[in-house]
Amino acid sequence: MAFELPASRGPVRDLAVEAGHTLGFALQSIGALVVATLRLRLSLAETLNQIVFIGRVSTGPSLLLMIPVGVFIAVSVGELAGRIGAGGYSGAVVAFVIVGQAAALVCALMMAGVAGSAICTDLGSRKIREEIDAMEVMGLNVIERLVAPRIAAAIVVSVVLCSLITVTGVGACYLYHIYVQHLPAGAFMSTFSQYGRMSDFVMALVKATMFALLATVVACFKGLHARGGPSGVADAVNEAVVIAFALVFIFNTILSQVYTVIVPAVGAY
């Protein structure tokens, strides 16, 4: 398999060709991951190394980003709720915003911007050093050896990371609610438990898994198709991050709409 794109024939045609190649690469990568897992050919050592690597580069920035996001949500909700005399319902809004939306999005941004860029850089460097061509000459399946372990690792890390981000965001809002707004903890916990549902958290994990899959596939595709030396790798990283961000927001809108149709809001009949 040669990881090369056709020669440029115009921006519109190039966009269509690259979109088609990306879709085909995604299907092939997912298929390789499933087959390698079922046939016990998935490299556990490489997968564990990638889990440690992705977790190390993503966990710290994700938690540091979620703390100000949680405080910002708490400040905005507290100010608005105080104006309308509904300060006790801040827990309900936190349950909806952080558990349902913010946690998965922050996880996606970190997976695309931090882990995705690192994966794209790694594979792009291997590509320009002709390591990928050498593996193909030796008859090794590049997708099964390099792409599948990275997808599996990204999915595992995204699930754990989304859980940590959710706890961090809710905790930041809870502390602000008690120690800054001086509101009773019982009101926060009561509304949070009333309006926060396990299905919201499960949907957040599903979103995080989907976003990690998208970001990793795009990063691997761009990295394996990098060309033009070190500057080409840098261009591939920039393109991978931008495309991953765009896909994340598109799929987030689709998944959110589907979820609202399948699972009605609390209090809806």
C-alpha atoms as a PDB file:
ATOM      1  CA  MET A   1       0.000   0.000   0.000  1.00  0.00           C
ATOM      2  CA  ALA A   2       1.466   3.349  -1.065  1.00  0.00           C
ATOM      3  CA  PHE A   3       0.495   6.255   1.186  1.00  0.00           C
ATOM      4  CA  GLU A   4       0.501   8.865  -1.558  1.00  0.00           C
ATOM      5  CA  LEU A   5      -2.223  11.234  -2.722  1.00  0.00           C
ATOM      6  CA  PRO A   6      -2.790  12.049  -6.426  1.00  0.00           C
ATOM      7  CA  ALA A   7      -1.222  15.142  -7.928  1.00  0.00           C
ATOM      8  CA  SER A   8      -3.014  18.441  -7.344  1.00  0.00           C
ATOM      9  CA  ARG A   9      -5.739  19.258  -9.886  1.00  0.00           C
ATOM     10  CA  GLY A  10      -7.478  22.222  -8.302  1.00  0.00           C
ATOM     11  CA  PRO A  11      -8.738  23.052  -4.806  1.00  0.00           C
ATOM     12  CA  VAL A  12     -12.256  21.667  -5.206  1.00  0.00           C
ATOM     13  CA  ARG A  13     -11.155  18.402  -6.776  1.00  0.00           C
ATOM     14  CA  ASP A  14      -8.323  18.040  -4.274  1.00  0.00           C
ATOM     15  CA  LEU A  15     -10.781  18.500  -1.404  1.00  0.00           C
ATOM     16  CA  ALA A  16     -13.103  15.829  -2.793  1.00  0.00           C
ATOM     17  CA  VAL A  17     -10.237  13.426  -3.430  1.00  0.00           C
ATOM     18  CA  GLU A  18      -8.764  13.904   0.042  1.00  0.00           C
ATOM     19  CA  ALA A  19     -12.174  13.522   1.680  1.00  0.00           C
ATOM     20  CA  GLY A  20     -12.694  10.247  -0.168  1.00  0.00           C
ATOM     21  CA  HIS A  21      -9.239   8.968   0.727  1.00  0.00           C
ATOM     22  CA  THR A  22      -9.757   9.944   4.377  1.00  0.00           C
ATOM     23  CA  LEU A  23     -13.072   8.093   4.519  1.00  0.00           C
ATOM     24  CA  GLY A  24     -11.537   5.011   2.934  1.00  0.00           C
ATOM     25  CA  PHE A  25      -8.580   5.188   5.310  1.00  0.00           C
ATOM     26  CA  ALA A  26     -10.940   5.487   8.283  1.00  0.00           C
ATOM     27  CA  LEU A  27     -12.933   2.421   7.252  1.00  0.00           C
ATOM     28  CA  GLN A  28      -9.759   0.460   6.589  1.00  0.00           C
ATOM     29  CA  SER A  29      -8.258   1.486   9.936  1.00  0.00           C
ATOM     30  CA  ILE A  30     -11.377   0.565  11.916  1.00  0.00           C
ATOM     31  CA  GLY A  31     -11.577  -2.745  10.080  1.00  0.00           C
ATOM     32  CA  ALA A  32      -7.901  -3.458  10.779  1.00  0.00           C
ATOM     33  CA  LEU A  33      -8.427  -2.667  14.471  1.00  0.00           C
ATOM     34  CA  VAL A  34     -11.409  -5.014  14.717  1.00  0.00           C
ATOM     35  CA  VAL A  35      -9.699  -7.840  12.830  1.00  0.00           C
ATOM     36  CA  ALA A  36      -6.446  -7.474  14.760  1.00  0.00           C
ATOM     37  CA  THR A  37      -8.328  -7.493  18.068  1.00  0.00           C
ATOM     38  CA  LEU A  38     -10.448 -10.538  17.208  1.00  0.00           C
ATOM     39  CA  ARG A  39      -7.482 -12.489  15.871  1.00  0.00           C
ATOM     40  CA  LEU A  40      -5.293 -11.431  18.829  1.00  0.00           C
ATOM     41  CA  ARG A  41      -2.789  -9.752  16.512  1.00  0.00           C
ATOM     42  CA  LEU A  42      -3.043  -6.305  18.055  1.00  0.00           C
ATOM     43  CA  SER A  43       0.333  -5.297  19.479  1.00  0.00           C
ATOM     44  CA  LEU A  44      -0.263  -4.947  23.219  1.00  0.00           C
ATOM     45  CA  ALA A  45       3.165  -3.438  23.822  1.00  0.00           C
ATOM     46  CA  GLU A  46       2.623  -0.700  21.245  1.00  0.00           C
ATOM     47  CA  THR A  47      -0.913  -0.087  22.506  1.00  0.00           C
ATOM     48  CA  LEU A  48       0.241   0.269  26.113  1.00  0.00           C
ATOM     49  CA  ASN A  49       3.066   2.577  25.052  1.00  0.00           C
ATOM     50  CA  GLN A  50       0.604   4.767  23.183  1.00  0.00           C
ATOM     51  CA  ILE A  51      -1.828   4.777  26.116  1.00  0.00           C
ATOM     52  CA  VAL A  52       0.936   6.018  28.411  1.00  0.00           C
ATOM     53  CA  PHE A  53       2.129   8.540  25.843  1.00  0.00           C
ATOM     54  CA  ILE A  54      -1.311   9.964  24.999  1.00  0.00           C
ATOM     55  CA  GLY A  55      -2.343  10.011  28.654  1.00  0.00           C
ATOM     56  CA  ARG A  56       0.862  11.793  29.662  1.00  0.00           C
ATOM     57  CA  VAL A  57       0.529  14.569  27.075  1.00  0.00           C
ATOM     58  CA  SER A  58      -3.247  15.034  27.421  1.00  0.00           C
ATOM     59  CA  THR A  59      -4.198  14.632  31.092  1.00  0.00           C
ATOM     60  CA  GLY A  60      -2.494  17.687  32.549  1.00  0.00           C
ATOM     61  CA  PRO A  61      -3.639  20.200  29.902  1.00  0.00           C
ATOM     62  CA  SER A  62      -7.181  18.782  29.979  1.00  0.00           C
ATOM     63  CA  LEU A  63      -7.576  19.168  33.742  1.00  0.00           C
ATOM     64  CA  LEU A  64      -5.960  22.611  33.723  1.00  0.00           C
ATOM     65  CA  LEU A  65      -8.346  23.699  30.976  1.00  0.00           C
ATOM     66  CA  MET A  66     -11.420  22.242  32.657  1.00  0.00           C
ATOM     67  CA  ILE A  67     -10.870  24.085  35.950  1.00  0.00           C
ATOM     68  CA  PRO A  68     -11.292  27.596  34.453  1.00  0.00           C
ATOM     69  CA  VAL A  69     -14.082  26.331  32.210  1.00  0.00           C
ATOM     70  CA  GLY A  70     -15.922  24.959  35.252  1.00  0.00           C
ATOM     71  CA  VAL A  71     -15.378  28.185  37.182  1.00  0.00           C
ATOM     72  CA  PHE A  72     -16.558  30.242  34.196  1.00  0.00           C
ATOM     73  CA  ILE A  73     -19.723  28.162  33.965  1.00  0.00           C
ATOM     74  CA  ALA A  74     -20.265  28.505  37.708  1.00  0.00           C
ATOM     75  CA  VAL A  75     -19.782  32.292  37.567  1.00  0.00           C
ATOM     76  CA  SER A  76     -22.109  32.710  34.590  1.00  0.00           C
ATOM     77  CA  VAL A  77     -24.768  30.422  36.026  1.00  0.00           C
ATOM     78  CA  GLY A  78     -24.485  31.949  39.509  1.00  0.00           C
ATOM     79  CA  GLU A  79     -24.842  35.502  38.235  1.00  0.00           C
ATOM     80  CA  LEU A  80     -27.820  34.703  36.024  1.00  0.00           C
ATOM     81  CA  ALA A  81     -29.516  32.527  38.635  1.00  0.00           C
ATOM     82  CA  GLY A  82     -29.011  35.197  41.301  1.00  0.00           C
ATOM     83  CA  ARG A  83     -30.699  37.809  39.126  1.00  0.00           C
ATOM     84  CA  ILE A  84     -33.817  35.718  38.632  1.00  0.00           C
ATOM     85  CA  GLY A  85     -33.852  34.358  42.185  1.00  0.00           C
ATOM     86  CA  ALA A  86     -33.020  30.794  41.242  1.00  0.00           C
ATOM     87  CA  GLY A  87     -29.564  30.393  42.745  1.00  0.00           C
ATOM     88  CA  GLY A  88     -30.447  26.963  44.086  1.00  0.00           C
ATOM     89  CA  TYR A  89     -30.791  25.591  40.547  1.00  0.00           C
ATOM     90  CA  SER A  90     -27.156  26.135  39.610  1.00  0.00           C
ATOM     91  CA  GLY A  91     -26.509  22.427  40.163  1.00  0.00           C
ATOM     92  CA  ALA A  92     -29.031  21.551  37.460  1.00  0.00           C
ATOM     93  CA  VAL A  93     -27.328  23.805  34.939  1.00  0.00           C
ATOM     94  CA  VAL A  94     -23.916  22.416  35.852  1.00  0.00           C
ATOM     95  CA  ALA A  95     -25.234  18.892  35.341  1.00  0.00           C
ATOM     96  CA  PHE A  96     -26.515  19.801  31.893  1.00  0.00           C
ATOM     97  CA  VAL A  97     -23.597  21.899  30.644  1.00  0.00           C
ATOM     98  CA  ILE A  98     -20.555  20.105  32.075  1.00  0.00           C
ATOM     99  CA  VAL A  99     -21.726  16.501  32.072  1.00  0.00           C
ATOM    100  CA  GLY A 100     -23.639  16.740  28.823  1.00  0.00           C
ATOM    101  CA  GLN A 101     -21.467  19.025  26.702  1.00  0.00           C
ATOM    102  CA  ALA A 102     -18.331  20.622  28.134  1.00  0.00           C
ATOM    103  CA  ALA A 103     -16.533  17.490  29.361  1.00  0.00           C
ATOM    104  CA  ALA A 104     -16.679  15.691  26.020  1.00  0.00           C
ATOM    105  CA  LEU A 105     -15.712  18.830  24.084  1.00  0.00           C
ATOM    106  CA  VAL A 106     -12.718  19.600  26.288  1.00  0.00           C
ATOM    107  CA  CYS A 107     -11.618  15.981  25.937  1.00  0.00           C
ATOM    108  CA  ALA A 108     -12.021  16.227  22.153  1.00  0.00           C
ATOM    109  CA  LEU A 109     -10.043  19.449  21.932  1.00  0.00           C
ATOM    110  CA  MET A 110      -7.180  17.911  23.874  1.00  0.00           C
ATOM    111  CA  MET A 111      -7.242  14.688  21.860  1.00  0.00           C
ATOM    112  CA  ALA A 112      -7.206  16.630  18.595  1.00  0.00           C
ATOM    113  CA  GLY A 113      -4.914  19.489  19.554  1.00  0.00           C
ATOM    114  CA  VAL A 114      -2.407  17.708  21.804  1.00  0.00           C
ATOM    115  CA  ALA A 115      -2.523  13.949  21.205  1.00  0.00           C
ATOM    116  CA  GLY A 116      -3.500  14.277  17.539  1.00  0.00           C
ATOM    117  CA  SER A 117      -0.680  16.646  16.749  1.00  0.00           C
ATOM    118  CA  ALA A 118       1.827  14.371  18.521  1.00  0.00           C
ATOM    119  CA  ILE A 119       0.592  11.312  16.617  1.00  0.00           C
ATOM    120  CA  CYS A 120       0.681  13.167  13.304  1.00  0.00           C
ATOM    121  CA  THR A 121       4.201  14.417  13.998  1.00  0.00           C
ATOM    122  CA  ASP A 122       5.413  10.931  14.899  1.00  0.00           C
ATOM    123  CA  LEU A 123       3.990   9.245  11.808  1.00  0.00           C
ATOM    124  CA  GLY A 124       4.943  12.171   9.559  1.00  0.00           C
ATOM    125  CA  SER A 125       8.541  11.965  10.747  1.00  0.00           C
ATOM    126  CA  ARG A 126       8.572   8.240  10.030  1.00  0.00           C
ATOM    127  CA  LYS A 127       7.147   8.952   6.593  1.00  0.00           C
ATOM    128  CA  ILE A 128       9.777  11.491   5.536  1.00  0.00           C
ATOM    129  CA  ARG A 129      12.542   9.253   6.933  1.00  0.00           C
ATOM    130  CA  GLU A 130      11.140   6.507   4.656  1.00  0.00           C
ATOM    131  CA  GLU A 131      10.482   4.173   7.582  1.00  0.00           C
ATOM    132  CA  ILE A 132       6.930   3.624   6.330  1.00  0.00           C
ATOM    133  CA  ASP A 133       8.227   2.658   2.887  1.00  0.00           C
ATOM    134  CA  ALA A 134      10.691   0.273   4.513  1.00  0.00           C
ATOM    135  CA  MET A 135       7.906  -1.418   6.470  1.00  0.00           C
ATOM    136  CA  GLU A 136       5.890  -1.852   3.275  1.00  0.00           C
ATOM    137  CA  VAL A 137       8.896  -3.342   1.481  1.00  0.00           C
ATOM    138  CA  MET A 138       9.245  -5.871   4.311  1.00  0.00           C
ATOM    139  CA  GLY A 139       5.597  -6.823   3.848  1.00  0.00           C
ATOM    140  CA  LEU A 140       4.369  -5.408   7.151  1.00  0.00           C
ATOM    141  CA  ASN A 141       0.845  -4.077   7.464  1.00  0.00           C
ATOM    142  CA  VAL A 142       1.429  -0.443   8.389  1.00  0.00           C
ATOM    143  CA  ILE A 143      -2.164   0.198   9.400  1.00  0.00           C
ATOM    144  CA  GLU A 144      -2.289  -2.841  11.672  1.00  0.00           C
ATOM    145  CA  ARG A 145       1.143  -2.187  13.175  1.00  0.00           C
ATOM    146  CA  LEU A 146       0.996   1.596  13.645  1.00  0.00           C
ATOM    147  CA  VAL A 147      -2.540   2.947  13.207  1.00  0.00           C
ATOM    148  CA  ALA A 148      -4.647   0.335  15.010  1.00  0.00           C
ATOM    149  CA  PRO A 149      -2.723   0.539  18.329  1.00  0.00           C
ATOM    150  CA  ARG A 150      -2.979   4.344  18.298  1.00  0.00           C
ATOM    151  CA  ILE A 151      -6.731   4.243  17.709  1.00  0.00           C
ATOM    152  CA  ALA A 152      -7.226   1.716  20.512  1.00  0.00           C
ATOM    153  CA  ALA A 153      -5.043   3.756  22.864  1.00  0.00           C
ATOM    154  CA  ALA A 154      -6.857   7.004  22.031  1.00  0.00           C
ATOM    155  CA  ILE A 155     -10.246   5.416  22.738  1.00  0.00           C
ATOM    156  CA  VAL A 156      -9.105   4.053  26.117  1.00  0.00           C
ATOM    157  CA  VAL A 157      -7.531   7.353  27.150  1.00  0.00           C
ATOM    158  CA  SER A 158     -10.554   9.377  26.008  1.00  0.00           C
ATOM    159  CA  VAL A 159     -12.949   7.377  28.199  1.00  0.00           C
ATOM    160  CA  VAL A 160     -10.757   7.777  31.287  1.00  0.00           C
ATOM    161  CA  LEU A 161      -9.985  11.402  30.494  1.00  0.00           C
ATOM    162  CA  CYS A 162     -13.652  12.308  30.018  1.00  0.00           C
ATOM    163  CA  SER A 163     -14.437  10.863  33.445  1.00  0.00           C
ATOM    164  CA  LEU A 164     -11.631  12.841  35.098  1.00  0.00           C
ATOM    165  CA  ILE A 165     -12.652  16.028  33.310  1.00  0.00           C
ATOM    166  CA  THR A 166     -16.259  15.612  34.418  1.00  0.00           C
ATOM    167  CA  VAL A 167     -15.251  15.179  38.063  1.00  0.00           C
ATOM    168  CA  THR A 168     -12.907  18.174  37.855  1.00  0.00           C
ATOM    169  CA  GLY A 169     -15.497  20.452  36.260  1.00  0.00           C
ATOM    170  CA  VAL A 170     -18.302  19.522  38.636  1.00  0.00           C
ATOM    171  CA  GLY A 171     -15.934  19.847  41.597  1.00  0.00           C
ATOM    172  CA  ALA A 172     -14.842  23.334  40.529  1.00  0.00           C
ATOM    173  CA  CYS A 173     -18.480  24.444  40.218  1.00  0.00           C
ATOM    174  CA  TYR A 174     -19.330  22.853  43.560  1.00  0.00           C
ATOM    175  CA  LEU A 175     -16.515  24.670  45.387  1.00  0.00           C
ATOM    176  CA  TYR A 176     -17.434  27.977  43.766  1.00  0.00           C
ATOM    177  CA  HIS A 177     -21.072  27.424  44.696  1.00  0.00           C
ATOM    178  CA  ILE A 178     -20.202  26.897  48.374  1.00  0.00           C
ATOM    179  CA  TYR A 179     -17.192  29.086  49.102  1.00  0.00           C
ATOM    180  CA  VAL A 180     -17.767  32.020  46.739  1.00  0.00           C
ATOM    181  CA  GLN A 181     -21.524  32.249  46.395  1.00  0.00           C
ATOM    182  CA  HIS A 182     -22.047  31.010  49.973  1.00  0.00           C
ATOM    183  CA  LEU A 183     -25.008  28.881  48.945  1.00  0.00           C
ATOM    184  CA  PRO A 184     -25.976  25.646  50.703  1.00  0.00           C
ATOM    185  CA  ALA A 185     -24.334  22.484  49.447  1.00  0.00           C
ATOM    186  CA  GLY A 186     -27.606  20.587  49.746  1.00  0.00           C
ATOM    187  CA  ALA A 187     -29.301  22.767  47.137  1.00  0.00           C
ATOM    188  CA  PHE A 188     -26.492  22.136  44.649  1.00  0.00           C
ATOM    189  CA  MET A 189     -26.474  18.378  45.211  1.00  0.00           C
ATOM    190  CA  SER A 190     -30.265  18.168  45.171  1.00  0.00           C
ATOM    191  CA  THR A 191     -30.689  19.858  41.803  1.00  0.00           C
ATOM    192  CA  PHE A 192     -27.608  18.140  40.394  1.00  0.00           C
ATOM    193  CA  SER A 193     -28.979  14.703  41.279  1.00  0.00           C
ATOM    194  CA  GLN A 194     -32.442  15.664  40.067  1.00  0.00           C
ATOM    195  CA  TYR A 195     -31.414  16.899  36.631  1.00  0.00           C
ATOM    196  CA  GLY A 196     -28.183  14.973  36.140  1.00  0.00           C
ATOM    197  CA  ARG A 197     -28.790  11.549  34.628  1.00  0.00           C
ATOM    198  CA  MET A 198     -26.545   8.578  34.081  1.00  0.00           C
ATOM    199  CA  SER A 199     -27.557   8.618  30.423  1.00  0.00           C
ATOM    200  CA  ASP A 200     -25.988  12.084  30.083  1.00  0.00           C
ATOM    201  CA  PHE A 201     -22.687  10.768  31.384  1.00  0.00           C
ATOM    202  CA  VAL A 202     -22.871   7.694  29.153  1.00  0.00           C
ATOM    203  CA  MET A 203     -23.542   9.947  26.161  1.00  0.00           C
ATOM    204  CA  ALA A 204     -20.528  12.053  27.122  1.00  0.00           C
ATOM    205  CA  LEU A 205     -18.371   8.907  27.080  1.00  0.00           C
ATOM    206  CA  VAL A 206     -19.793   7.933  23.696  1.00  0.00           C
ATOM    207  CA  LYS A 207     -18.998  11.405  22.361  1.00  0.00           C
ATOM    208  CA  ALA A 208     -15.480  11.290  23.777  1.00  0.00           C
ATOM    209  CA  THR A 209     -14.907   7.903  22.142  1.00  0.00           C
ATOM    210  CA  MET A 210     -16.204   9.138  18.799  1.00  0.00           C
ATOM    211  CA  PHE A 211     -14.156  12.328  18.964  1.00  0.00           C
ATOM    212  CA  ALA A 212     -10.992  10.400  19.854  1.00  0.00           C
ATOM    213  CA  LEU A 213     -11.596   8.072  16.919  1.00  0.00           C
ATOM    214  CA  LEU A 214     -12.064  10.991  14.529  1.00  0.00           C
ATOM    215  CA  ALA A 215      -9.027  12.910  15.771  1.00  0.00           C
ATOM    216  CA  THR A 216      -6.748   9.862  15.693  1.00  0.00           C
ATOM    217  CA  VAL A 217      -7.818   8.723  12.237  1.00  0.00           C
ATOM    218  CA  VAL A 218      -7.298  12.203  10.792  1.00  0.00           C
ATOM    219  CA  ALA A 219      -3.917  12.547  12.542  1.00  0.00           C
ATOM    220  CA  CYS A 220      -2.755   9.145  11.280  1.00  0.00           C
ATOM    221  CA  PHE A 221      -3.969   9.867   7.751  1.00  0.00           C
ATOM    222  CA  LYS A 222      -2.213  13.222   7.586  1.00  0.00           C
ATOM    223  CA  GLY A 223       0.952  11.851   9.147  1.00  0.00           C
ATOM    224  CA  LEU A 224       1.216   8.879   6.776  1.00  0.00           C
ATOM    225  CA  HIS A 225       0.572  11.125   3.763  1.00  0.00           C
ATOM    226  CA  ALA A 226       3.000  13.868   4.760  1.00  0.00           C
ATOM    227  CA  ARG A 227       5.451  14.944   2.086  1.00  0.00           C
ATOM    228  CA  GLY A 228       7.885  17.768   1.482  1.00  0.00           C
ATOM    229  CA  GLY A 229      10.307  17.251   4.339  1.00  0.00           C
ATOM    230  CA  PRO A 230      10.025  18.790   7.816  1.00  0.00           C
ATOM    231  CA  SER A 231       7.892  21.688   6.549  1.00  0.00           C
ATOM    232  CA  GLY A 232       5.488  19.156   5.055  1.00  0.00           C
ATOM    233  CA  VAL A 233       5.146  17.456   8.432  1.00  0.00           C
ATOM    234  CA  ALA A 234       4.364  20.814  10.063  1.00  0.00           C
ATOM    235  CA  ASP A 235       1.732  21.526   7.405  1.00  0.00           C
ATOM    236  CA  ALA A 236       0.228  18.061   7.936  1.00  0.00           C
ATOM    237  CA  VAL A 237      -0.023  18.672  11.700  1.00  0.00           C
ATOM    238  CA  ASN A 238      -1.770  22.015  11.189  1.00  0.00           C
ATOM    239  CA  GLU A 239      -4.204  20.507   8.702  1.00  0.00           C
ATOM    240  CA  ALA A 240      -4.906  17.528  10.960  1.00  0.00           C
ATOM    241  CA  VAL A 241      -5.750  19.749  13.952  1.00  0.00           C
ATOM    242  CA  VAL A 242      -8.037  22.037  11.933  1.00  0.00           C
ATOM    243  CA  ILE A 243      -9.866  19.150  10.240  1.00  0.00           C
ATOM    244  CA  ALA A 244     -10.255  17.293  13.532  1.00  0.00           C
ATOM    245  CA  PHE A 245     -11.708  20.379  15.231  1.00  0.00           C
ATOM    246  CA  ALA A 246     -14.206  20.864  12.401  1.00  0.00           C
ATOM    247  CA  LEU A 247     -15.288  17.217  12.470  1.00  0.00           C
ATOM    248  CA  VAL A 248     -15.634  17.284  16.254  1.00  0.00           C
ATOM    249  CA  PHE A 249     -18.073  20.189  16.228  1.00  0.00           C
ATOM    250  CA  ILE A 250     -20.049  18.720  13.322  1.00  0.00           C
ATOM    251  CA  PHE A 251     -20.403  15.318  14.966  1.00  0.00           C
ATOM    252  CA  ASN A 252     -21.111  16.902  18.352  1.00  0.00           C
ATOM    253  CA  THR A 253     -24.100  18.710  16.856  1.00  0.00           C
ATOM    254  CA  ILE A 254     -25.362  15.523  15.206  1.00  0.00           C
ATOM    255  CA  LEU A 255     -24.937  13.362  18.319  1.00  0.00           C
ATOM    256  CA  SER A 256     -26.540  15.991  20.563  1.00  0.00           C
ATOM    257  CA  GLN A 257     -29.593  16.230  18.328  1.00  0.00           C
ATOM    258  CA  VAL A 258     -29.943  12.460  18.123  1.00  0.00           C
ATOM    259  CA  TYR A 259     -29.631  12.183  21.906  1.00  0.00           C
ATOM    260  CA  THR A 260     -32.350  14.765  22.539  1.00  0.00           C
ATOM    261  CA  VAL A 261     -34.680  12.795  20.279  1.00  0.00           C
ATOM    262  CA  ILE A 262     -33.927   9.415  21.854  1.00  0.00           C
ATOM    263  CA  VAL A 263     -33.762  10.581  25.492  1.00  0.00           C
ATOM    264  CA  PRO A 264     -36.319  13.304  26.367  1.00  0.00           C
ATOM    265  CA  ALA A 265     -35.367  16.080  28.742  1.00  0.00           C
ATOM    266  CA  VAL A 266     -36.111  15.820  32.454  1.00  0.00           C
ATOM    267  CA  GLY A 267     -39.707  16.808  33.072  1.00  0.00           C
ATOM    268  CA  ALA A 268     -40.736  16.359  29.422  1.00  0.00           C
ATOM    269  CA  TYR A 269     -43.783  14.286  28.668  1.00  0.00           C
END
